[in-house]
Each structure stands twice: as structure tokens, then as C-alpha cells.
C-alpha atoms as a PDB file:
ATOM      1  CA  MET A   1     -51.178  80.691  89.586  1.00  0.00           C
ATOM      2  CA  THR A   2     -54.974  80.378  89.544  1.00  0.00           C
ATOM      3  CA  GLY A   3     -56.949  79.249  92.586  1.00  0.00           C
ATOM      4  CA  LEU A   4     -54.786  77.601  95.230  1.00  0.00           C
ATOM      5  CA  GLU A   5     -56.469  74.378  96.328  1.00  0.00           C
ATOM      6  CA  ARG A   6     -56.065  73.835 100.063  1.00  0.00           C
ATOM      7  CA  ARG A   7     -58.269  70.785 100.657  1.00  0.00           C
ATOM      8  CA  HIS A   8     -55.566  68.345  99.552  1.00  0.00           C
ATOM      9  CA  GLY A   9     -57.940  66.091  97.628  1.00  0.00           C
ATOM     10  CA  LYS A  10     -60.875  66.280 100.052  1.00  0.00           C
ATOM     11  CA  PRO A  11     -64.230  67.440  98.645  1.00  0.00           C
ATOM     12  CA  ALA A  12     -65.818  70.640 100.005  1.00  0.00           C
ATOM     13  CA  VAL A  13     -68.775  68.547 101.188  1.00  0.00           C
ATOM     14  CA  PRO A  14     -67.957  65.047 102.445  1.00  0.00           C
ATOM     15  CA  PRO A  15     -69.933  62.201 100.854  1.00  0.00           C
ATOM     16  CA  ASP A  16     -71.162  60.793 104.200  1.00  0.00           C
ATOM     17  CA  LEU A  17     -72.410  63.532 106.522  1.00  0.00           C
ATOM     18  CA  LYS A  18     -72.834  61.040 109.383  1.00  0.00           C
ATOM     19  CA  ASP A  19     -69.045  61.070 109.707  1.00  0.00           C
ATOM     20  CA  ILE A  20     -69.060  64.836 110.287  1.00  0.00           C
ATOM     21  CA  LEU A  21     -72.410  65.823 111.869  1.00  0.00           C
ATOM     22  CA  ASN A  22     -73.677  64.843 115.298  1.00  0.00           C
ATOM     23  CA  GLN A  23     -77.390  64.113 115.980  1.00  0.00           C
ATOM     24  CA  GLU A  24     -78.275  67.714 116.867  1.00  0.00           C
ATOM     25  CA  GLN A  25     -76.558  69.020 113.738  1.00  0.00           C
ATOM     26  CA  MET A  26     -78.272  66.401 111.528  1.00  0.00           C
ATOM     27  CA  ARG A  27     -81.669  67.392 112.923  1.00  0.00           C
ATOM     28  CA  THR A  28     -81.037  71.080 112.236  1.00  0.00           C
ATOM     29  CA  TYR A  29     -79.529  70.340 108.830  1.00  0.00           C
ATOM     30  CA  HIS A  30     -82.661  68.469 107.729  1.00  0.00           C
ATOM     31  CA  THR A  31     -84.826  71.351 108.965  1.00  0.00           C
ATOM     32  CA  MET A  32     -82.703  73.894 107.078  1.00  0.00           C
ATOM     33  CA  GLN A  33     -82.867  71.770 103.904  1.00  0.00           C
ATOM     34  CA  GLY A  34     -86.655  72.086 104.100  1.00  0.00           C
ATOM     35  CA  CYS A  35     -86.198  75.871 104.182  1.00  0.00           C
ATOM     36  CA  GLY A  36     -84.060  75.869 101.035  1.00  0.00           C
ATOM     37  CA  TRP A  37     -80.571  75.753 102.555  1.00  0.00           C
ATOM     38  CA  ARG A  38     -77.896  73.318 101.363  1.00  0.00           C
ATOM     39  CA  MET A  39     -74.446  72.206 102.470  1.00  0.00           C
ATOM     40  CA  TYR A  40     -71.806  74.655 101.209  1.00  0.00           C
ATOM     41  CA  PHE A  41     -68.574  73.320 102.706  1.00  0.00           C
ATOM     42  CA  VAL A  42     -67.001  71.738 105.766  1.00  0.00           C
ATOM     43  CA  ARG A  43     -63.760  73.080 107.197  1.00  0.00           C
ATOM     44  CA  ARG A  44     -61.729  70.479 109.037  1.00  0.00           C
ATOM     45  CA  PRO A  45     -58.999  72.237 111.049  1.00  0.00           C
ATOM     46  CA  LEU A  46     -56.508  69.998 112.811  1.00  0.00           C
ATOM     47  CA  PHE A  47     -57.335  69.189 116.437  1.00  0.00           C
ATOM     48  CA  GLN A  48     -60.621  71.159 116.283  1.00  0.00           C
ATOM     49  CA  GLU A  49     -64.249  70.394 115.582  1.00  0.00           C
ATOM     50  CA  PRO A  50     -65.257  70.814 111.922  1.00  0.00           C
ATOM     51  CA  THR A  51     -67.019  74.009 110.831  1.00  0.00           C
ATOM     52  CA  VAL A  52     -70.117  73.223 108.775  1.00  0.00           C
ATOM     53  CA  ALA A  53     -71.370  75.996 106.469  1.00  0.00           C
ATOM     54  CA  LEU A  54     -74.736  76.115 104.709  1.00  0.00           C
ATOM     55  CA  ILE A  55     -75.810  78.457 101.906  1.00  0.00           C
ATOM     56  CA  ASN A  56     -79.301  79.573 100.907  1.00  0.00           C
ATOM     57  CA  ASN A  57     -80.886  78.814  97.507  1.00  0.00           C
ATOM     58  CA  GLU A  58     -80.101  82.282  96.178  1.00  0.00           C
ATOM     59  CA  GLY A  59     -76.454  81.967  97.166  1.00  0.00           C
ATOM     60  CA  THR A  60     -76.631  85.235  99.068  1.00  0.00           C
ATOM     61  CA  ARG A  61     -76.413  84.101 102.713  1.00  0.00           C
ATOM     62  CA  VAL A  62     -74.058  81.717 104.486  1.00  0.00           C
ATOM     63  CA  GLY A  63     -74.646  80.318 107.958  1.00  0.00           C
ATOM     64  CA  VAL A  64     -72.792  77.957 110.274  1.00  0.00           C
ATOM     65  CA  LEU A  65     -74.234  74.846 111.860  1.00  0.00           C
ATOM     66  CA  GLU A  66     -72.933  74.931 115.436  1.00  0.00           C
ATOM     67  CA  GLN A  67     -71.896  71.797 117.381  1.00  0.00           C
ATOM     68  CA  GLU A  68     -74.959  72.149 119.660  1.00  0.00           C
ATOM     69  CA  GLY A  69     -77.249  72.115 116.610  1.00  0.00           C
ATOM     70  CA  HIS A  70     -77.923  75.853 116.511  1.00  0.00           C
ATOM     71  CA  PHE A  71     -77.812  77.594 113.136  1.00  0.00           C
ATOM     72  CA  ASP A  72     -75.859  80.886 113.173  1.00  0.00           C
ATOM     73  CA  MET A  73     -76.811  83.183 110.283  1.00  0.00           C
ATOM     74  CA  GLU A  74     -74.288  85.816 111.342  1.00  0.00           C
ATOM     75  CA  PRO A  75     -71.108  83.780 111.790  1.00  0.00           C
ATOM     76  CA  LEU A  76     -67.633  85.198 112.132  1.00  0.00           C
ATOM     77  CA  LEU A  77     -66.445  83.258 109.119  1.00  0.00           C
ATOM     78  CA  GLU A  78     -63.868  84.349 106.574  1.00  0.00           C
ATOM     79  CA  LEU A  79     -64.704  83.223 103.043  1.00  0.00           C
ATOM     80  CA  ARG A  80     -62.413  83.030 100.014  1.00  0.00           C
ATOM     81  CA  ASN A  81     -63.526  84.184  96.580  1.00  0.00           C
END
């Protein structure tokens, strides 16, 4: 079996970020876009706030956009290959 898909039909990045991001997160996201970061994926665990991950242009660093709008470049985040 190659690559188990766990999103059940949901895209890694939702089409309308306003449904996922609050005002503080949107503000930080736009700032990070200006610095070359882009949306990587959004994890949507049941009964929890979504985890929003950004990746740099080189694809070498991943950070998490916190609920308060802070950007954590050293998150405790487990990534799949």
C-alpha cells in the first residue's frame, strides 16, 4: 500500500482561510507571506483548534501559526514523509 491518505477528501490547505484562521492569525499569515512563507497544511483534530503549518520558500523549515497569532519556528510537530 502506498501513502495512506488520512484527510478523508479534505485538501491539505482549505480553500477559504477565513473559515480556519482568526484575525490575529490572518495578520501574521500575511506578514509571513511577505517573508516568503506559504501555507503548508492545516490539521483539524476533533474537538480541538486546528494546527496551521507554514513552510519557507526553500522547503527546509516548518513553523506553526499559533491561535494567538504568534509564529513558532520550533514547534513540537510530528511530520509524515
